[in-house]
Amino acid sequence: MGLMDLLLGKQTDLSEDIKDGAKVIDVRTPSEFQGGHVKNSINIPLNTIEANEEKIKNMNCKIIFCCASGNRSGQATAIMSQKGLDCINGGSWLSVNSYE
């Protein structure tokens, strides 16, 4: 997966990751999250990702970040990948939701 894929969420199939226990983290604002989200996902807004690094790492599983379009989730993926987290930019929450 190249840098643009990482940033834009060009993951073709998340079903195996989800089946294997990956956790979905939605990085949109709380009000966006309340308007609709992936079942069982948790909301950690992008501007708090680094402050929640330990909480996220303590989940001990692959993380799928999502947002509205893939931009913010791409940023979260880039930040957390640099910190050694096994994570994927799932892109839009609607796309990720199709795998649930």
PDB file of N, CA and C in Angstrom:
ATOM      1  N   MET A   1       0.856  -1.173   0.000  1.00  0.00           N
ATOM      2  CA  MET A   1       0.000   0.000   0.000  1.00  0.00           C
ATOM      3  C   MET A   1       0.901   1.234   0.000  1.00  0.00           C
ATOM      4  N   GLY A   2       0.720   2.125  -0.958  1.00  0.00           N
ATOM      5  CA  GLY A   2       1.508   3.336  -1.058  1.00  0.00           C
ATOM      6  C   GLY A   2       0.990   4.441  -0.161  1.00  0.00           C
ATOM      7  N   LEU A   3       1.723   5.556  -0.135  1.00  0.00           N
ATOM      8  CA  LEU A   3       1.360   6.690   0.707  1.00  0.00           C
ATOM      9  C   LEU A   3      -0.016   7.233   0.357  1.00  0.00           C
ATOM     10  N   MET A   4      -0.330   7.367  -0.923  1.00  0.00           N
ATOM     11  CA  MET A   4      -1.647   7.893  -1.302  1.00  0.00           C
ATOM     12  C   MET A   4      -2.765   6.938  -0.882  1.00  0.00           C
ATOM     13  N   ASP A   5      -2.514   5.644  -0.969  1.00  0.00           N
ATOM     14  CA  ASP A   5      -3.505   4.673  -0.511  1.00  0.00           C
ATOM     15  C   ASP A   5      -3.716   4.807   0.992  1.00  0.00           C
ATOM     16  N   LEU A   6      -2.620   4.984   1.729  1.00  0.00           N
ATOM     17  CA  LEU A   6      -2.701   5.172   3.167  1.00  0.00           C
ATOM     18  C   LEU A   6      -3.533   6.394   3.504  1.00  0.00           C
ATOM     19  N   LEU A   7      -3.295   7.484   2.802  1.00  0.00           N
ATOM     20  CA  LEU A   7      -3.998   8.729   3.091  1.00  0.00           C
ATOM     21  C   LEU A   7      -5.443   8.727   2.617  1.00  0.00           C
ATOM     22  N   LEU A   8      -5.720   8.048   1.511  1.00  0.00           N
ATOM     23  CA  LEU A   8      -7.065   8.091   0.943  1.00  0.00           C
ATOM     24  C   LEU A   8      -7.920   6.867   1.256  1.00  0.00           C
ATOM     25  N   GLY A   9      -7.355   5.913   1.950  1.00  0.00           N
ATOM     26  CA  GLY A   9      -8.144   4.748   2.348  1.00  0.00           C
ATOM     27  C   GLY A   9      -8.499   3.832   1.198  1.00  0.00           C
ATOM     28  N   LYS A  10      -7.527   3.457   0.391  1.00  0.00           N
ATOM     29  CA  LYS A  10      -7.778   2.606  -0.770  1.00  0.00           C
ATOM     30  C   LYS A  10      -7.731   1.125  -0.403  1.00  0.00           C
ATOM     31  N   GLN A  11      -8.186   0.772   0.793  1.00  0.00           N
ATOM     32  CA  GLN A  11      -8.271  -0.619   1.213  1.00  0.00           C
ATOM     33  C   GLN A  11      -9.412  -1.263   0.434  1.00  0.00           C
ATOM     34  N   THR A  12      -9.150  -2.384  -0.202  1.00  0.00           N
ATOM     35  CA  THR A  12     -10.177  -2.977  -1.044  1.00  0.00           C
ATOM     36  C   THR A  12     -11.168  -3.837  -0.261  1.00  0.00           C
ATOM     37  N   ASP A  13     -10.709  -4.508   0.792  1.00  0.00           N
ATOM     38  CA  ASP A  13     -11.615  -5.394   1.524  1.00  0.00           C
ATOM     39  C   ASP A  13     -11.206  -5.447   2.983  1.00  0.00           C
ATOM     40  N   LEU A  14     -12.078  -4.951   3.835  1.00  0.00           N
ATOM     41  CA  LEU A  14     -11.810  -4.931   5.271  1.00  0.00           C
ATOM     42  C   LEU A  14     -12.471  -6.098   5.997  1.00  0.00           C
ATOM     43  N   SER A  15     -13.207  -6.922   5.281  1.00  0.00           N
ATOM     44  CA  SER A  15     -13.992  -7.964   5.932  1.00  0.00           C
ATOM     45  C   SER A  15     -13.125  -8.925   6.742  1.00  0.00           C
ATOM     46  N   GLU A  16     -11.966  -9.314   6.231  1.00  0.00           N
ATOM     47  CA  GLU A  16     -11.086 -10.224   6.976  1.00  0.00           C
ATOM     48  C   GLU A  16     -10.564  -9.563   8.237  1.00  0.00           C
ATOM     49  N   ASP A  17     -10.164  -8.292   8.134  1.00  0.00           N
ATOM     50  CA  ASP A  17      -9.661  -7.579   9.301  1.00  0.00           C
ATOM     51  C   ASP A  17     -10.737  -7.477  10.370  1.00  0.00           C
ATOM     52  N   ILE A  18     -11.952  -7.151   9.970  1.00  0.00           N
ATOM     53  CA  ILE A  18     -13.059  -7.027  10.916  1.00  0.00           C
ATOM     54  C   ILE A  18     -13.387  -8.390  11.528  1.00  0.00           C
ATOM     55  N   LYS A  19     -13.404  -9.417  10.689  1.00  0.00           N
ATOM     56  CA  LYS A  19     -13.670 -10.770  11.180  1.00  0.00           C
ATOM     57  C   LYS A  19     -12.601 -11.214  12.179  1.00  0.00           C
ATOM     58  N   ASP A  20     -11.364 -10.743  11.966  1.00  0.00           N
ATOM     59  CA  ASP A  20     -10.250 -11.106  12.838  1.00  0.00           C
ATOM     60  C   ASP A  20     -10.158 -10.233  14.087  1.00  0.00           C
ATOM     61  N   GLY A  21     -11.143  -9.343  14.287  1.00  0.00           N
ATOM     62  CA  GLY A  21     -11.188  -8.583  15.530  1.00  0.00           C
ATOM     63  C   GLY A  21     -10.655  -7.167  15.489  1.00  0.00           C
ATOM     64  N   ALA A  22     -10.448  -6.621  14.299  1.00  0.00           N
ATOM     65  CA  ALA A  22      -9.992  -5.229  14.221  1.00  0.00           C
ATOM     66  C   ALA A  22     -11.036  -4.305  14.845  1.00  0.00           C
ATOM     67  N   LYS A  23     -10.571  -3.256  15.487  1.00  0.00           N
ATOM     68  CA  LYS A  23     -11.456  -2.267  16.115  1.00  0.00           C
ATOM     69  C   LYS A  23     -11.561  -1.055  15.200  1.00  0.00           C
ATOM     70  N   VAL A  24     -12.781  -0.542  15.033  1.00  0.00           N
ATOM     71  CA  VAL A  24     -13.015   0.636  14.194  1.00  0.00           C
ATOM     72  C   VAL A  24     -13.048   1.868  15.081  1.00  0.00           C
ATOM     73  N   ILE A  25     -12.194   2.831  14.755  1.00  0.00           N
ATOM     74  CA  ILE A  25     -12.166   4.117  15.448  1.00  0.00           C
ATOM     75  C   ILE A  25     -12.553   5.198  14.452  1.00  0.00           C
ATOM     76  N   ASP A  26     -13.607   5.910  14.782  1.00  0.00           N
ATOM     77  CA  ASP A  26     -14.115   7.000  13.954  1.00  0.00           C
ATOM     78  C   ASP A  26     -13.496   8.294  14.464  1.00  0.00           C
ATOM     79  N   VAL A  27     -12.778   9.010  13.604  1.00  0.00           N
ATOM     80  CA  VAL A  27     -12.048  10.206  14.031  1.00  0.00           C
ATOM     81  C   VAL A  27     -12.796  11.505  13.732  1.00  0.00           C
ATOM     82  N   ARG A  28     -14.084  11.410  13.414  1.00  0.00           N
ATOM     83  CA  ARG A  28     -14.890  12.612  13.196  1.00  0.00           C
ATOM     84  C   ARG A  28     -15.222  13.264  14.541  1.00  0.00           C
ATOM     85  N   THR A  29     -15.841  14.420  14.488  1.00  0.00           N
ATOM     86  CA  THR A  29     -16.260  15.107  15.699  1.00  0.00           C
ATOM     87  C   THR A  29     -17.388  14.323  16.374  1.00  0.00           C
ATOM     88  N   PRO A  30     -17.591  14.534  17.673  1.00  0.00           N
ATOM     89  CA  PRO A  30     -18.696  13.837  18.346  1.00  0.00           C
ATOM     90  C   PRO A  30     -20.060  14.089  17.696  1.00  0.00           C
ATOM     91  N   SER A  31     -20.310  15.298  17.230  1.00  0.00           N
ATOM     92  CA  SER A  31     -21.616  15.562  16.602  1.00  0.00           C
ATOM     93  C   SER A  31     -21.750  14.821  15.277  1.00  0.00           C
ATOM     94  N   GLU A  32     -20.683  14.709  14.510  1.00  0.00           N
ATOM     95  CA  GLU A  32     -20.731  13.916  13.273  1.00  0.00           C
ATOM     96  C   GLU A  32     -20.979  12.442  13.607  1.00  0.00           C
ATOM     97  N   PHE A  33     -20.291  11.953  14.619  1.00  0.00           N
ATOM     98  CA  PHE A  33     -20.423  10.558  15.045  1.00  0.00           C
ATOM     99  C   PHE A  33     -21.851  10.257  15.468  1.00  0.00           C
ATOM    100  N   GLN A  34     -22.470  11.172  16.209  1.00  0.00           N
ATOM    101  CA  GLN A  34     -23.849  10.983  16.658  1.00  0.00           C
ATOM    102  C   GLN A  34     -24.822  10.915  15.491  1.00  0.00           C
ATOM    103  N   GLY A  35     -24.464  11.517  14.358  1.00  0.00           N
ATOM    104  CA  GLY A  35     -25.319  11.511  13.186  1.00  0.00           C
ATOM    105  C   GLY A  35     -25.326  10.184  12.438  1.00  0.00           C
ATOM    106  N   GLY A  36     -24.467   9.267  12.824  1.00  0.00           N
ATOM    107  CA  GLY A  36     -24.368   7.945  12.199  1.00  0.00           C
ATOM    108  C   GLY A  36     -22.951   7.445  12.289  1.00  0.00           C
ATOM    109  N   HIS A  37     -22.785   6.147  12.526  1.00  0.00           N
ATOM    110  CA  HIS A  37     -21.447   5.568  12.648  1.00  0.00           C
ATOM    111  C   HIS A  37     -21.509   4.049  12.487  1.00  0.00           C
ATOM    112  N   VAL A  38     -20.349   3.458  12.352  1.00  0.00           N
ATOM    113  CA  VAL A  38     -20.235   2.007  12.233  1.00  0.00           C
ATOM    114  C   VAL A  38     -20.601   1.387  13.574  1.00  0.00           C
ATOM    115  N   LYS A  39     -21.427   0.349  13.539  1.00  0.00           N
ATOM    116  CA  LYS A  39     -21.828  -0.360  14.755  1.00  0.00           C
ATOM    117  C   LYS A  39     -20.580  -0.810  15.523  1.00  0.00           C
ATOM    118  N   ASN A  40     -20.596  -0.581  16.828  1.00  0.00           N
ATOM    119  CA  ASN A  40     -19.504  -0.964  17.739  1.00  0.00           C
ATOM    120  C   ASN A  40     -18.219  -0.167  17.546  1.00  0.00           C
ATOM    121  N   SER A  41     -18.247   0.877  16.727  1.00  0.00           N
ATOM    122  CA  SER A  41     -17.063   1.724  16.592  1.00  0.00           C
ATOM    123  C   SER A  41     -16.990   2.666  17.786  1.00  0.00           C
ATOM    124  N   ILE A  42     -15.814   3.218  17.999  1.00  0.00           N
ATOM    125  CA  ILE A  42     -15.675   4.211  19.049  1.00  0.00           C
ATOM    126  C   ILE A  42     -15.238   5.522  18.423  1.00  0.00           C
ATOM    127  N   ASN A  43     -15.565   6.598  19.088  1.00  0.00           N
ATOM    128  CA  ASN A  43     -15.275   7.934  18.570  1.00  0.00           C
ATOM    129  C   ASN A  43     -14.093   8.524  19.322  1.00  0.00           C
ATOM    130  N   ILE A  44     -13.008   8.722  18.600  1.00  0.00           N
ATOM    131  CA  ILE A  44     -11.850   9.444  19.123  1.00  0.00           C
ATOM    132  C   ILE A  44     -11.505  10.486  18.062  1.00  0.00           C
ATOM    133  N   PRO A  45     -11.942  11.728  18.249  1.00  0.00           N
ATOM    134  CA  PRO A  45     -11.706  12.769  17.242  1.00  0.00           C
ATOM    135  C   PRO A  45     -10.220  12.925  16.903  1.00  0.00           C
ATOM    136  N   LEU A  46      -9.958  13.255  15.649  1.00  0.00           N
ATOM    137  CA  LEU A  46      -8.584  13.375  15.159  1.00  0.00           C
ATOM    138  C   LEU A  46      -7.732  14.257  16.059  1.00  0.00           C
ATOM    139  N   ASN A  47      -8.287  15.373  16.537  1.00  0.00           N
ATOM    140  CA  ASN A  47      -7.466  16.290  17.337  1.00  0.00           C
ATOM    141  C   ASN A  47      -7.111  15.726  18.714  1.00  0.00           C
ATOM    142  N   THR A  48      -7.619  14.528  19.050  1.00  0.00           N
ATOM    143  CA  THR A  48      -7.266  13.898  20.327  1.00  0.00           C
ATOM    144  C   THR A  48      -6.546  12.557  20.135  1.00  0.00           C
ATOM    145  N   ILE A  49      -6.221  12.231  18.905  1.00  0.00           N
ATOM    146  CA  ILE A  49      -5.599  10.926  18.608  1.00  0.00           C
ATOM    147  C   ILE A  49      -4.302  10.736  19.390  1.00  0.00           C
ATOM    148  N   GLU A  50      -3.407  11.701  19.331  1.00  0.00           N
ATOM    149  CA  GLU A  50      -2.119  11.530  20.009  1.00  0.00           C
ATOM    150  C   GLU A  50      -2.288  11.461  21.522  1.00  0.00           C
ATOM    151  N   ALA A  51      -3.233  12.211  22.075  1.00  0.00           N
ATOM    152  CA  ALA A  51      -3.494  12.167  23.514  1.00  0.00           C
ATOM    153  C   ALA A  51      -4.061  10.811  23.933  1.00  0.00           C
ATOM    154  N   ASN A  52      -4.651  10.089  23.002  1.00  0.00           N
ATOM    155  CA  ASN A  52      -5.245   8.772  23.270  1.00  0.00           C
ATOM    156  C   ASN A  52      -4.366   7.618  22.784  1.00  0.00           C
ATOM    157  N   GLU A  53      -3.111   7.898  22.507  1.00  0.00           N
ATOM    158  CA  GLU A  53      -2.210   6.881  21.965  1.00  0.00           C
ATOM    159  C   GLU A  53      -2.165   5.622  22.827  1.00  0.00           C
ATOM    160  N   GLU A  54      -1.990   5.768  24.125  1.00  0.00           N
ATOM    161  CA  GLU A  54      -1.901   4.586  24.993  1.00  0.00           C
ATOM    162  C   GLU A  54      -3.210   3.802  25.022  1.00  0.00           C
ATOM    163  N   LYS A  55      -4.333   4.524  25.079  1.00  0.00           N
ATOM    164  CA  LYS A  55      -5.646   3.867  25.067  1.00  0.00           C
ATOM    165  C   LYS A  55      -5.806   3.033  23.801  1.00  0.00           C
ATOM    166  N   ILE A  56      -5.403   3.599  22.674  1.00  0.00           N
ATOM    167  CA  ILE A  56      -5.528   2.905  21.395  1.00  0.00           C
ATOM    168  C   ILE A  56      -4.582   1.704  21.342  1.00  0.00           C
ATOM    169  N   LYS A  57      -3.339   1.902  21.754  1.00  0.00           N
ATOM    170  CA  LYS A  57      -2.374   0.797  21.738  1.00  0.00           C
ATOM    171  C   LYS A  57      -2.798  -0.323  22.678  1.00  0.00           C
ATOM    172  N   ASN A  58      -3.443   0.026  23.784  1.00  0.00           N
ATOM    173  CA  ASN A  58      -3.876  -0.984  24.747  1.00  0.00           C
ATOM    174  C   ASN A  58      -5.051  -1.819  24.259  1.00  0.00           C
ATOM    175  N   MET A  59      -5.622  -1.470  23.115  1.00  0.00           N
ATOM    176  CA  MET A  59      -6.683  -2.292  22.536  1.00  0.00           C
ATOM    177  C   MET A  59      -6.128  -3.607  22.006  1.00  0.00           C
ATOM    178  N   ASN A  60      -4.813  -3.637  21.772  1.00  0.00           N
ATOM    179  CA  ASN A  60      -4.105  -4.848  21.357  1.00  0.00           C
ATOM    180  C   ASN A  60      -4.728  -5.549  20.164  1.00  0.00           C
ATOM    181  N   CYS A  61      -5.094  -4.772  19.157  1.00  0.00           N
ATOM    182  CA  CYS A  61      -5.624  -5.347  17.930  1.00  0.00           C
ATOM    183  C   CYS A  61      -5.361  -4.367  16.788  1.00  0.00           C
ATOM    184  N   LYS A  62      -5.603  -4.838  15.580  1.00  0.00           N
ATOM    185  CA  LYS A  62      -5.501  -3.953  14.425  1.00  0.00           C
ATOM    186  C   LYS A  62      -6.587  -2.893  14.543  1.00  0.00           C
ATOM    187  N   ILE A  63      -6.264  -1.678  14.133  1.00  0.00           N
ATOM    188  CA  ILE A  63      -7.197  -0.565  14.190  1.00  0.00           C
ATOM    189  C   ILE A  63      -7.558  -0.134  12.772  1.00  0.00           C
ATOM    190  N   ILE A  64      -8.840   0.091  12.541  1.00  0.00           N
ATOM    191  CA  ILE A  64      -9.318   0.656  11.283  1.00  0.00           C
ATOM    192  C   ILE A  64      -9.847   2.047  11.609  1.00  0.00           C
ATOM    193  N   PHE A  65      -9.177   3.071  11.074  1.00  0.00           N
ATOM    194  CA  PHE A  65      -9.652   4.440  11.256  1.00  0.00           C
ATOM    195  C   PHE A  65     -10.626   4.777  10.140  1.00  0.00           C
ATOM    196  N   CYS A  66     -11.674   5.533  10.463  1.00  0.00           N
ATOM    197  CA  CYS A  66     -12.607   6.015   9.450  1.00  0.00           C
ATOM    198  C   CYS A  66     -13.046   7.430   9.809  1.00  0.00           C
ATOM    199  N   CYS A  67     -13.638   8.099   8.843  1.00  0.00           N
ATOM    200  CA  CYS A  67     -14.149   9.460   9.035  1.00  0.00           C
ATOM    201  C   CYS A  67     -15.238   9.691   7.991  1.00  0.00           C
ATOM    202  N   ALA A  68     -15.372  10.911   7.523  1.00  0.00           N
ATOM    203  CA  ALA A  68     -16.393  11.206   6.513  1.00  0.00           C
ATOM    204  C   ALA A  68     -15.923  10.851   5.107  1.00  0.00           C
ATOM    205  N   SER A  69     -14.661  11.167   4.803  1.00  0.00           N
ATOM    206  CA  SER A  69     -14.194  10.992   3.430  1.00  0.00           C
ATOM    207  C   SER A  69     -12.921  10.165   3.292  1.00  0.00           C
ATOM    208  N   GLY A  70     -12.192   9.988   4.366  1.00  0.00           N
ATOM    209  CA  GLY A  70     -10.903   9.293   4.314  1.00  0.00           C
ATOM    210  C   GLY A  70      -9.733  10.213   4.583  1.00  0.00           C
ATOM    211  N   ASN A  71      -9.970  11.520   4.584  1.00  0.00           N
ATOM    212  CA  ASN A  71      -8.885  12.472   4.812  1.00  0.00           C
ATOM    213  C   ASN A  71      -8.410  12.436   6.262  1.00  0.00           C
ATOM    214  N   ARG A  72      -9.306  12.647   7.201  1.00  0.00           N
ATOM    215  CA  ARG A  72      -8.922  12.656   8.617  1.00  0.00           C
ATOM    216  C   ARG A  72      -8.461  11.271   9.071  1.00  0.00           C
ATOM    217  N   SER A  73      -9.122  10.235   8.586  1.00  0.00           N
ATOM    218  CA  SER A  73      -8.689   8.887   8.966  1.00  0.00           C
ATOM    219  C   SER A  73      -7.307   8.586   8.394  1.00  0.00           C
ATOM    220  N   GLY A  74      -6.998   9.161   7.229  1.00  0.00           N
ATOM    221  CA  GLY A  74      -5.659   9.024   6.655  1.00  0.00           C
ATOM    222  C   GLY A  74      -4.613   9.702   7.524  1.00  0.00           C
ATOM    223  N   GLN A  75      -4.954  10.862   8.049  1.00  0.00           N
ATOM    224  CA  GLN A  75      -4.039  11.570   8.951  1.00  0.00           C
ATOM    225  C   GLN A  75      -3.818  10.753  10.235  1.00  0.00           C
ATOM    226  N   ALA A  76      -4.910  10.224  10.791  1.00  0.00           N
ATOM    227  CA  ALA A  76      -4.800   9.407  12.005  1.00  0.00           C
ATOM    228  C   ALA A  76      -3.953   8.165  11.740  1.00  0.00           C
ATOM    229  N   THR A  77      -4.161   7.535  10.599  1.00  0.00           N
ATOM    230  CA  THR A  77      -3.397   6.345  10.231  1.00  0.00           C
ATOM    231  C   THR A  77      -1.916   6.674  10.106  1.00  0.00           C
ATOM    232  N   ALA A  78      -1.601   7.795   9.462  1.00  0.00           N
ATOM    233  CA  ALA A  78      -0.201   8.195   9.307  1.00  0.00           C
ATOM    234  C   ALA A  78       0.445   8.468  10.666  1.00  0.00           C
ATOM    235  N   ILE A  79      -0.258   9.175  11.527  1.00  0.00           N
ATOM    236  CA  ILE A  79       0.267   9.499  12.865  1.00  0.00           C
ATOM    237  C   ILE A  79       0.524   8.229  13.663  1.00  0.00           C
ATOM    238  N   MET A  80      -0.469   7.362  13.711  1.00  0.00           N
ATOM    239  CA  MET A  80      -0.352   6.178  14.553  1.00  0.00           C
ATOM    240  C   MET A  80       0.558   5.107  13.949  1.00  0.00           C
ATOM    241  N   SER A  81       0.649   5.046  12.627  1.00  0.00           N
ATOM    242  CA  SER A  81       1.592   4.117  11.990  1.00  0.00           C
ATOM    243  C   SER A  81       3.024   4.482  12.367  1.00  0.00           C
ATOM    244  N   GLN A  82       3.302   5.780  12.405  1.00  0.00           N
ATOM    245  CA  GLN A  82       4.640   6.242  12.783  1.00  0.00           C
ATOM    246  C   GLN A  82       4.962   5.889  14.228  1.00  0.00           C
ATOM    247  N   LYS A  83       3.945   5.665  15.028  1.00  0.00           N
ATOM    248  CA  LYS A  83       4.134   5.301  16.436  1.00  0.00           C
ATOM    249  C   LYS A  83       4.102   3.787  16.638  1.00  0.00           C
ATOM    250  N   GLY A  84       4.103   3.047  15.523  1.00  0.00           N
ATOM    251  CA  GLY A  84       4.208   1.597  15.586  1.00  0.00           C
ATOM    252  C   GLY A  84       2.895   0.840  15.686  1.00  0.00           C
ATOM    253  N   LEU A  85       1.774   1.517  15.503  1.00  0.00           N
ATOM    254  CA  LEU A  85       0.477   0.856  15.605  1.00  0.00           C
ATOM    255  C   LEU A  85       0.125   0.164  14.288  1.00  0.00           C
ATOM    256  N   ASP A  86      -0.443  -1.024  14.381  1.00  0.00           N
ATOM    257  CA  ASP A  86      -0.940  -1.746  13.211  1.00  0.00           C
ATOM    258  C   ASP A  86      -2.321  -1.186  12.888  1.00  0.00           C
ATOM    259  N   CYS A  87      -2.391  -0.323  11.881  1.00  0.00           N
ATOM    260  CA  CYS A  87      -3.657   0.341  11.577  1.00  0.00           C
ATOM    261  C   CYS A  87      -3.845   0.525  10.073  1.00  0.00           C
ATOM    262  N   ILE A  88      -5.112   0.744   9.721  1.00  0.00           N
ATOM    263  CA  ILE A  88      -5.534   0.876   8.325  1.00  0.00           C
ATOM    264  C   ILE A  88      -6.407   2.108   8.209  1.00  0.00           C
ATOM    265  N   ASN A  89      -6.271   2.826   7.105  1.00  0.00           N
ATOM    266  CA  ASN A  89      -7.216   3.892   6.792  1.00  0.00           C
ATOM    267  C   ASN A  89      -8.386   3.248   6.054  1.00  0.00           C
ATOM    268  N   GLY A  90      -9.508   3.122   6.741  1.00  0.00           N
ATOM    269  CA  GLY A  90     -10.692   2.528   6.134  1.00  0.00           C
ATOM    270  C   GLY A  90     -11.440   3.489   5.231  1.00  0.00           C
ATOM    271  N   GLY A  91     -11.096   4.781   5.295  1.00  0.00           N
ATOM    272  CA  GLY A  91     -11.778   5.774   4.475  1.00  0.00           C
ATOM    273  C   GLY A  91     -13.083   6.204   5.119  1.00  0.00           C
ATOM    274  N   SER A  92     -14.097   6.377   4.312  1.00  0.00           N
ATOM    275  CA  SER A  92     -15.406   6.820   4.767  1.00  0.00           C
ATOM    276  C   SER A  92     -16.041   5.794   5.713  1.00  0.00           C
ATOM    277  N   TRP A  93     -16.705   6.273   6.742  1.00  0.00           N
ATOM    278  CA  TRP A  93     -17.397   5.356   7.671  1.00  0.00           C
ATOM    279  C   TRP A  93     -18.474   4.563   6.944  1.00  0.00           C
ATOM    280  N   LEU A  94     -19.036   5.162   5.897  1.00  0.00           N
ATOM    281  CA  LEU A  94     -20.051   4.447   5.133  1.00  0.00           C
ATOM    282  C   LEU A  94     -19.449   3.242   4.411  1.00  0.00           C
ATOM    283  N   SER A  95     -18.225   3.399   3.925  1.00  0.00           N
ATOM    284  CA  SER A  95     -17.541   2.274   3.280  1.00  0.00           C
ATOM    285  C   SER A  95     -17.228   1.185   4.287  1.00  0.00           C
ATOM    286  N   VAL A  96     -16.709   1.584   5.438  1.00  0.00           N
ATOM    287  CA  VAL A  96     -16.389   0.611   6.482  1.00  0.00           C
ATOM    288  C   VAL A  96     -17.653  -0.083   6.955  1.00  0.00           C
ATOM    289  N   ASN A  97     -18.724   0.668   7.060  1.00  0.00           N
ATOM    290  CA  ASN A  97     -20.008   0.132   7.520  1.00  0.00           C
ATOM    291  C   ASN A  97     -20.506  -1.001   6.615  1.00  0.00           C
ATOM    292  N   SER A  98     -20.147  -0.958   5.345  1.00  0.00           N
ATOM    293  CA  SER A  98     -20.598  -1.998   4.414  1.00  0.00           C
ATOM    294  C   SER A  98     -19.964  -3.354   4.717  1.00  0.00           C
ATOM    295  N   TYR A  99     -18.908  -3.382   5.520  1.00  0.00           N
ATOM    296  CA  TYR A  99     -18.237  -4.635   5.871  1.00  0.00           C
ATOM    297  C   TYR A  99     -18.744  -5.219   7.173  1.00  0.00           C
ATOM    298  N   GLU A 100     -19.525  -4.449   7.913  1.00  0.00           N
ATOM    299  CA  GLU A 100     -20.036  -4.909   9.215  1.00  0.00           C
ATOM    300  C   GLU A 100     -21.145  -5.908   9.033  1.00  0.00           C
TER     301      GLU A 100
END
